PDB file of N, CA and C in Angstrom:
ATOM      1  N   MET A   1       0.840  -1.171   0.000  1.00  0.00           N
ATOM      2  CA  MET A   1       0.000   0.000   0.000  1.00  0.00           C
ATOM      3  C   MET A   1       0.891   1.242   0.000  1.00  0.00           C
ATOM      4  N   PRO A   2       0.638   2.199  -0.894  1.00  0.00           N
ATOM      5  CA  PRO A   2       1.500   3.371  -0.983  1.00  0.00           C
ATOM      6  C   PRO A   2       1.340   4.288   0.224  1.00  0.00           C
ATOM      7  N   SER A   3       2.427   4.944   0.583  1.00  0.00           N
ATOM      8  CA  SER A   3       2.426   5.878   1.693  1.00  0.00           C
ATOM      9  C   SER A   3       1.730   7.171   1.271  1.00  0.00           C
ATOM     10  N   SER A   4       0.990   7.775   2.183  1.00  0.00           N
ATOM     11  CA  SER A   4       0.296   9.029   1.879  1.00  0.00           C
ATOM     12  C   SER A   4       0.730  10.098   2.874  1.00  0.00           C
ATOM     13  N   LYS A   5       1.998  10.478   2.809  1.00  0.00           N
ATOM     14  CA  LYS A   5       2.540  11.424   3.781  1.00  0.00           C
ATOM     15  C   LYS A   5       1.827  12.759   3.749  1.00  0.00           C
ATOM     16  N   LYS A   6       1.721  13.387   2.610  1.00  0.00           N
ATOM     17  CA  LYS A   6       1.019  14.657   2.492  1.00  0.00           C
ATOM     18  C   LYS A   6       0.219  14.642   1.198  1.00  0.00           C
ATOM     19  N   PRO A   7      -1.042  15.080   1.263  1.00  0.00           N
ATOM     20  CA  PRO A   7      -1.829  15.114   0.039  1.00  0.00           C
ATOM     21  C   PRO A   7      -1.305  16.204  -0.884  1.00  0.00           C
ATOM     22  N   LYS A   8      -1.386  15.956  -2.170  1.00  0.00           N
ATOM     23  CA  LYS A   8      -0.980  16.956  -3.141  1.00  0.00           C
ATOM     24  C   LYS A   8      -2.008  18.079  -3.135  1.00  0.00           C
ATOM     25  N   THR A   9      -1.537  19.303  -3.279  1.00  0.00           N
ATOM     26  CA  THR A   9      -2.455  20.421  -3.342  1.00  0.00           C
ATOM     27  C   THR A   9      -3.330  20.248  -4.576  1.00  0.00           C
ATOM     28  N   GLY A  10      -4.626  20.363  -4.363  1.00  0.00           N
ATOM     29  CA  GLY A  10      -5.551  20.213  -5.477  1.00  0.00           C
ATOM     30  C   GLY A  10      -5.856  18.771  -5.827  1.00  0.00           C
ATOM     31  N   SER A  11      -5.397  17.815  -5.002  1.00  0.00           N
ATOM     32  CA  SER A  11      -5.680  16.419  -5.305  1.00  0.00           C
ATOM     33  C   SER A  11      -7.170  16.163  -5.154  1.00  0.00           C
ATOM     34  N   LYS A  12      -7.684  15.286  -5.990  1.00  0.00           N
ATOM     35  CA  LYS A  12      -9.116  15.002  -5.988  1.00  0.00           C
ATOM     36  C   LYS A  12      -9.447  13.938  -4.953  1.00  0.00           C
ATOM     37  N   ALA A  13     -10.583  14.105  -4.316  1.00  0.00           N
ATOM     38  CA  ALA A  13     -11.052  13.125  -3.340  1.00  0.00           C
ATOM     39  C   ALA A  13     -11.686  11.952  -4.076  1.00  0.00           C
ATOM     40  N   LYS A  14     -11.549  10.773  -3.508  1.00  0.00           N
ATOM     41  CA  LYS A  14     -12.198   9.587  -4.045  1.00  0.00           C
ATOM     42  C   LYS A  14     -13.566   9.445  -3.403  1.00  0.00           C
ATOM     43  N   VAL A  15     -14.513   8.951  -4.155  1.00  0.00           N
ATOM     44  CA  VAL A  15     -15.846   8.700  -3.619  1.00  0.00           C
ATOM     45  C   VAL A  15     -15.777   7.442  -2.764  1.00  0.00           C
ATOM     46  N   ARG A  16     -16.324   7.525  -1.554  1.00  0.00           N
ATOM     47  CA  ARG A  16     -16.338   6.398  -0.628  1.00  0.00           C
ATOM     48  C   ARG A  16     -17.780   6.180  -0.172  1.00  0.00           C
ATOM     49  N   THR A  17     -18.028   5.060   0.438  1.00  0.00           N
ATOM     50  CA  THR A  17     -19.345   4.806   1.003  1.00  0.00           C
ATOM     51  C   THR A  17     -19.191   4.412   2.465  1.00  0.00           C
ATOM     52  N   PHE A  18     -20.250   4.499   3.221  1.00  0.00           N
ATOM     53  CA  PHE A  18     -20.231   4.080   4.604  1.00  0.00           C
ATOM     54  C   PHE A  18     -21.602   3.546   4.971  1.00  0.00           C
ATOM     55  N   SER A  19     -21.641   2.771   6.024  1.00  0.00           N
ATOM     56  CA  SER A  19     -22.897   2.243   6.538  1.00  0.00           C
ATOM     57  C   SER A  19     -23.223   2.950   7.839  1.00  0.00           C
ATOM     58  N   ALA A  20     -24.493   3.229   8.052  1.00  0.00           N
ATOM     59  CA  ALA A  20     -24.931   3.877   9.287  1.00  0.00           C
ATOM     60  C   ALA A  20     -26.401   3.554   9.503  1.00  0.00           C
ATOM     61  N   THR A  21     -26.794   3.586  10.760  1.00  0.00           N
ATOM     62  CA  THR A  21     -28.213   3.410  11.041  1.00  0.00           C
ATOM     63  C   THR A  21     -28.953   4.655  10.558  1.00  0.00           C
ATOM     64  N   GLU A  22     -30.245   4.548  10.398  1.00  0.00           N
ATOM     65  CA  GLU A  22     -31.039   5.706   9.963  1.00  0.00           C
ATOM     66  C   GLU A  22     -30.903   6.858  10.955  1.00  0.00           C
ATOM     67  N   ARG A  23     -30.883   6.533  12.239  1.00  0.00           N
ATOM     68  CA  ARG A  23     -30.746   7.572  13.266  1.00  0.00           C
ATOM     69  C   ARG A  23     -29.396   8.276  13.159  1.00  0.00           C
ATOM     70  N   ASP A  24     -28.315   7.510  13.003  1.00  0.00           N
ATOM     71  CA  ASP A  24     -26.983   8.111  12.858  1.00  0.00           C
ATOM     72  C   ASP A  24     -26.920   8.996  11.620  1.00  0.00           C
ATOM     73  N   TYR A  25     -27.525   8.533  10.526  1.00  0.00           N
ATOM     74  CA  TYR A  25     -27.536   9.308   9.284  1.00  0.00           C
ATOM     75  C   TYR A  25     -28.296  10.623   9.490  1.00  0.00           C
ATOM     76  N   GLN A  26     -29.418  10.563  10.189  1.00  0.00           N
ATOM     77  CA  GLN A  26     -30.196  11.771  10.458  1.00  0.00           C
ATOM     78  C   GLN A  26     -29.420  12.736  11.350  1.00  0.00           C
ATOM     79  N   MET A  27     -28.699  12.189  12.316  1.00  0.00           N
ATOM     80  CA  MET A  27     -27.881  13.033  13.185  1.00  0.00           C
ATOM     81  C   MET A  27     -26.764  13.703  12.388  1.00  0.00           C
ATOM     82  N   LEU A  28     -26.112  12.957  11.513  1.00  0.00           N
ATOM     83  CA  LEU A  28     -25.065  13.520  10.660  1.00  0.00           C
ATOM     84  C   LEU A  28     -25.645  14.618   9.778  1.00  0.00           C
ATOM     85  N   ASP A  29     -26.806  14.365   9.201  1.00  0.00           N
ATOM     86  CA  ASP A  29     -27.460  15.346   8.335  1.00  0.00           C
ATOM     87  C   ASP A  29     -27.771  16.627   9.111  1.00  0.00           C
ATOM     88  N   ALA A  30     -28.255  16.484  10.352  1.00  0.00           N
ATOM     89  CA  ALA A  30     -28.587  17.648  11.175  1.00  0.00           C
ATOM     90  C   ALA A  30     -27.340  18.470  11.511  1.00  0.00           C
ATOM     91  N   VAL A  31     -26.262  17.796  11.896  1.00  0.00           N
ATOM     92  CA  VAL A  31     -25.022  18.509  12.248  1.00  0.00           C
ATOM     93  C   VAL A  31     -24.434  19.195  11.017  1.00  0.00           C
ATOM     94  N   ALA A  32     -24.427  18.511   9.888  1.00  0.00           N
ATOM     95  CA  ALA A  32     -23.910  19.110   8.650  1.00  0.00           C
ATOM     96  C   ALA A  32     -24.751  20.321   8.256  1.00  0.00           C
ATOM     97  N   HIS A  33     -26.071  20.203   8.363  1.00  0.00           N
ATOM     98  CA  HIS A  33     -26.956  21.325   8.035  1.00  0.00           C
ATOM     99  C   HIS A  33     -26.689  22.505   8.967  1.00  0.00           C
ATOM    100  N   TYR A  34     -26.529  22.228  10.264  1.00  0.00           N
ATOM    101  CA  TYR A  34     -26.241  23.268  11.247  1.00  0.00           C
ATOM    102  C   TYR A  34     -24.973  24.042  10.883  1.00  0.00           C
ATOM    103  N   HIS A  35     -23.939  23.314  10.439  1.00  0.00           N
ATOM    104  CA  HIS A  35     -22.668  23.948  10.093  1.00  0.00           C
ATOM    105  C   HIS A  35     -22.636  24.461   8.656  1.00  0.00           C
ATOM    106  N   GLY A  36     -23.693  24.205   7.900  1.00  0.00           N
ATOM    107  CA  GLY A  36     -23.760  24.699   6.518  1.00  0.00           C
ATOM    108  C   GLY A  36     -22.800  23.994   5.585  1.00  0.00           C
ATOM    109  N   THR A  37     -22.594  22.715   5.809  1.00  0.00           N
ATOM    110  CA  THR A  37     -21.660  21.954   4.991  1.00  0.00           C
ATOM    111  C   THR A  37     -22.303  20.648   4.549  1.00  0.00           C
ATOM    112  N   SER A  38     -21.621  19.901   3.732  1.00  0.00           N
ATOM    113  CA  SER A  38     -22.140  18.612   3.282  1.00  0.00           C
ATOM    114  C   SER A  38     -21.847  17.542   4.330  1.00  0.00           C
ATOM    115  N   LYS A  39     -22.561  16.446   4.242  1.00  0.00           N
ATOM    116  CA  LYS A  39     -22.307  15.324   5.159  1.00  0.00           C
ATOM    117  C   LYS A  39     -20.891  14.809   4.960  1.00  0.00           C
ATOM    118  N   SER A  40     -20.437  14.743   3.740  1.00  0.00           N
ATOM    119  CA  SER A  40     -19.084  14.277   3.445  1.00  0.00           C
ATOM    120  C   SER A  40     -18.032  15.187   4.084  1.00  0.00           C
ATOM    121  N   ALA A  41     -18.216  16.489   3.948  1.00  0.00           N
ATOM    122  CA  ALA A  41     -17.274  17.441   4.550  1.00  0.00           C
ATOM    123  C   ALA A  41     -17.312  17.355   6.072  1.00  0.00           C
ATOM    124  N   MET A  42     -18.497  17.115   6.617  1.00  0.00           N
ATOM    125  CA  MET A  42     -18.635  16.995   8.069  1.00  0.00           C
ATOM    126  C   MET A  42     -17.868  15.787   8.578  1.00  0.00           C
ATOM    127  N   ILE A  43     -18.023  14.645   7.920  1.00  0.00           N
ATOM    128  CA  ILE A  43     -17.309  13.428   8.318  1.00  0.00           C
ATOM    129  C   ILE A  43     -15.803  13.650   8.221  1.00  0.00           C
ATOM    130  N   THR A  44     -15.364  14.214   7.118  1.00  0.00           N
ATOM    131  CA  THR A  44     -13.928  14.448   6.913  1.00  0.00           C
ATOM    132  C   THR A  44     -13.369  15.378   7.978  1.00  0.00           C
ATOM    133  N   GLY A  45     -14.081  16.450   8.287  1.00  0.00           N
ATOM    134  CA  GLY A  45     -13.625  17.386   9.313  1.00  0.00           C
ATOM    135  C   GLY A  45     -13.529  16.738  10.681  1.00  0.00           C
ATOM    136  N   LEU A  46     -14.515  15.909  11.029  1.00  0.00           N
ATOM    137  CA  LEU A  46     -14.492  15.227  12.320  1.00  0.00           C
ATOM    138  C   LEU A  46     -13.338  14.227  12.400  1.00  0.00           C
ATOM    139  N   ILE A  47     -13.091  13.528  11.305  1.00  0.00           N
ATOM    140  CA  ILE A  47     -11.980  12.571  11.282  1.00  0.00           C
ATOM    141  C   ILE A  47     -10.657  13.302  11.444  1.00  0.00           C
ATOM    142  N   ARG A  48     -10.480  14.402  10.729  1.00  0.00           N
ATOM    143  CA  ARG A  48      -9.230  15.175  10.853  1.00  0.00           C
ATOM    144  C   ARG A  48      -9.029  15.665  12.278  1.00  0.00           C
ATOM    145  N   LYS A  49     -10.086  16.219  12.864  1.00  0.00           N
ATOM    146  CA  LYS A  49      -9.987  16.741  14.229  1.00  0.00           C
ATOM    147  C   LYS A  49      -9.585  15.628  15.196  1.00  0.00           C
ATOM    148  N   GLU A  50     -10.230  14.475  15.091  1.00  0.00           N
ATOM    149  CA  GLU A  50      -9.923  13.355  15.988  1.00  0.00           C
ATOM    150  C   GLU A  50      -8.524  12.803  15.717  1.00  0.00           C
ATOM    151  N   PHE A  51      -8.129  12.710  14.448  1.00  0.00           N
ATOM    152  CA  PHE A  51      -6.799  12.201  14.109  1.00  0.00           C
ATOM    153  C   PHE A  51      -5.718  13.047  14.764  1.00  0.00           C
ATOM    154  N   TRP A  52      -5.802  14.378  14.623  1.00  0.00           N
ATOM    155  CA  TRP A  52      -4.756  15.239  15.174  1.00  0.00           C
ATOM    156  C   TRP A  52      -4.822  15.310  16.686  1.00  0.00           C
ATOM    157  N   ARG A  53      -5.998  15.036  17.284  1.00  0.00           N
ATOM    158  CA  ARG A  53      -6.094  14.962  18.737  1.00  0.00           C
ATOM    159  C   ARG A  53      -5.355  13.720  19.243  1.00  0.00           C
ATOM    160  N   VAL A  54      -5.540  12.603  18.555  1.00  0.00           N
ATOM    161  CA  VAL A  54      -4.926  11.339  18.961  1.00  0.00           C
ATOM    162  C   VAL A  54      -3.449  11.285  18.577  1.00  0.00           C
ATOM    163  N   PHE A  55      -3.105  11.812  17.420  1.00  0.00           N
ATOM    164  CA  PHE A  55      -1.721  11.778  16.913  1.00  0.00           C
ATOM    165  C   PHE A  55      -1.228  13.201  16.636  1.00  0.00           C
ATOM    166  N   PRO A  56      -0.966  14.011  17.659  1.00  0.00           N
ATOM    167  CA  PRO A  56      -0.578  15.409  17.427  1.00  0.00           C
ATOM    168  C   PRO A  56       0.713  15.569  16.626  1.00  0.00           C
ATOM    169  N   ASN A  57       1.567  14.564  16.625  1.00  0.00           N
ATOM    170  CA  ASN A  57       2.813  14.627  15.853  1.00  0.00           C
ATOM    171  C   ASN A  57       2.736  13.808  14.577  1.00  0.00           C
ATOM    172  N   GLY A  58       1.537  13.359  14.209  1.00  0.00           N
ATOM    173  CA  GLY A  58       1.376  12.543  13.017  1.00  0.00           C
ATOM    174  C   GLY A  58       1.731  11.088  13.301  1.00  0.00           C
ATOM    175  N   THR A  59       1.831  10.331  12.237  1.00  0.00           N
ATOM    176  CA  THR A  59       2.213   8.925  12.336  1.00  0.00           C
ATOM    177  C   THR A  59       3.403   8.697  11.425  1.00  0.00           C
ATOM    178  N   GLU A  60       3.818   7.449  11.327  1.00  0.00           N
ATOM    179  CA  GLU A  60       4.939   7.121  10.441  1.00  0.00           C
ATOM    180  C   GLU A  60       4.634   7.508   8.989  1.00  0.00           C
ATOM    181  N   ASP A  61       3.367   7.340   8.582  1.00  0.00           N
ATOM    182  CA  ASP A  61       2.986   7.613   7.190  1.00  0.00           C
ATOM    183  C   ASP A  61       2.393   9.000   6.963  1.00  0.00           C
ATOM    184  N   ILE A  62       1.895   9.629   8.010  1.00  0.00           N
ATOM    185  CA  ILE A  62       1.221  10.922   7.865  1.00  0.00           C
ATOM    186  C   ILE A  62       1.922  11.941   8.749  1.00  0.00           C
ATOM    187  N   SER A  63       2.592  12.888   8.129  1.00  0.00           N
ATOM    188  CA  SER A  63       3.301  13.904   8.905  1.00  0.00           C
ATOM    189  C   SER A  63       2.494  15.201   8.917  1.00  0.00           C
ATOM    190  N   PRO A  64       2.668  16.016   9.961  1.00  0.00           N
ATOM    191  CA  PRO A  64       1.942  17.281  10.048  1.00  0.00           C
ATOM    192  C   PRO A  64       2.305  18.206   8.891  1.00  0.00           C
ATOM    193  N   ASP A  65       1.389  19.107   8.587  1.00  0.00           N
ATOM    194  CA  ASP A  65       1.659  20.100   7.553  1.00  0.00           C
ATOM    195  C   ASP A  65       2.821  20.976   7.995  1.00  0.00           C
ATOM    196  N   GLU A  66       3.539  21.521   7.052  1.00  0.00           N
ATOM    197  CA  GLU A  66       4.662  22.398   7.343  1.00  0.00           C
ATOM    198  C   GLU A  66       4.173  23.583   8.150  1.00  0.00           C
ATOM    199  N   GLY A  67       4.839  23.876   9.245  1.00  0.00           N
ATOM    200  CA  GLY A  67       4.488  24.998  10.098  1.00  0.00           C
ATOM    201  C   GLY A  67       3.413  24.691  11.132  1.00  0.00           C
ATOM    202  N   ALA A  68       2.908  23.462  11.161  1.00  0.00           N
ATOM    203  CA  ALA A  68       1.869  23.089  12.132  1.00  0.00           C
ATOM    204  C   ALA A  68       2.466  22.976  13.525  1.00  0.00           C
ATOM    205  N   LYS A  69       1.699  23.426  14.514  1.00  0.00           N
ATOM    206  CA  LYS A  69       2.117  23.279  15.896  1.00  0.00           C
ATOM    207  C   LYS A  69       1.909  21.817  16.275  1.00  0.00           C
ATOM    208  N   THR A  70       2.961  21.130  16.698  1.00  0.00           N
ATOM    209  CA  THR A  70       2.868  19.698  16.976  1.00  0.00           C
ATOM    210  C   THR A  70       2.985  19.366  18.451  1.00  0.00           C
ATOM    211  N   GLU A  71       2.942  20.353  19.310  1.00  0.00           N
ATOM    212  CA  GLU A  71       2.993  20.112  20.745  1.00  0.00           C
ATOM    213  C   GLU A  71       1.564  19.974  21.261  1.00  0.00           C
ATOM    214  N   PRO A  72       1.291  18.947  22.105  1.00  0.00           N
ATOM    215  CA  PRO A  72      -0.074  18.765  22.630  1.00  0.00           C
ATOM    216  C   PRO A  72      -0.540  19.899  23.511  1.00  0.00           C
TER     217      PRO A  72
END
């Protein structure tokens, strides 16, 4: 599997799918609507936030953006 250290600027996102209960989907829709964004953008933003909370210095394959504060 290829390493994905930093995404290329302007790189295109791949379409993905996920499974969720109807209630979870409705909750996601409500939160995305509240923030004025798409469900996809909401999921991506939440994943990024949680990733950097858990791995503030990145991982072996994913390094922080240049100039990012990496101290917890």
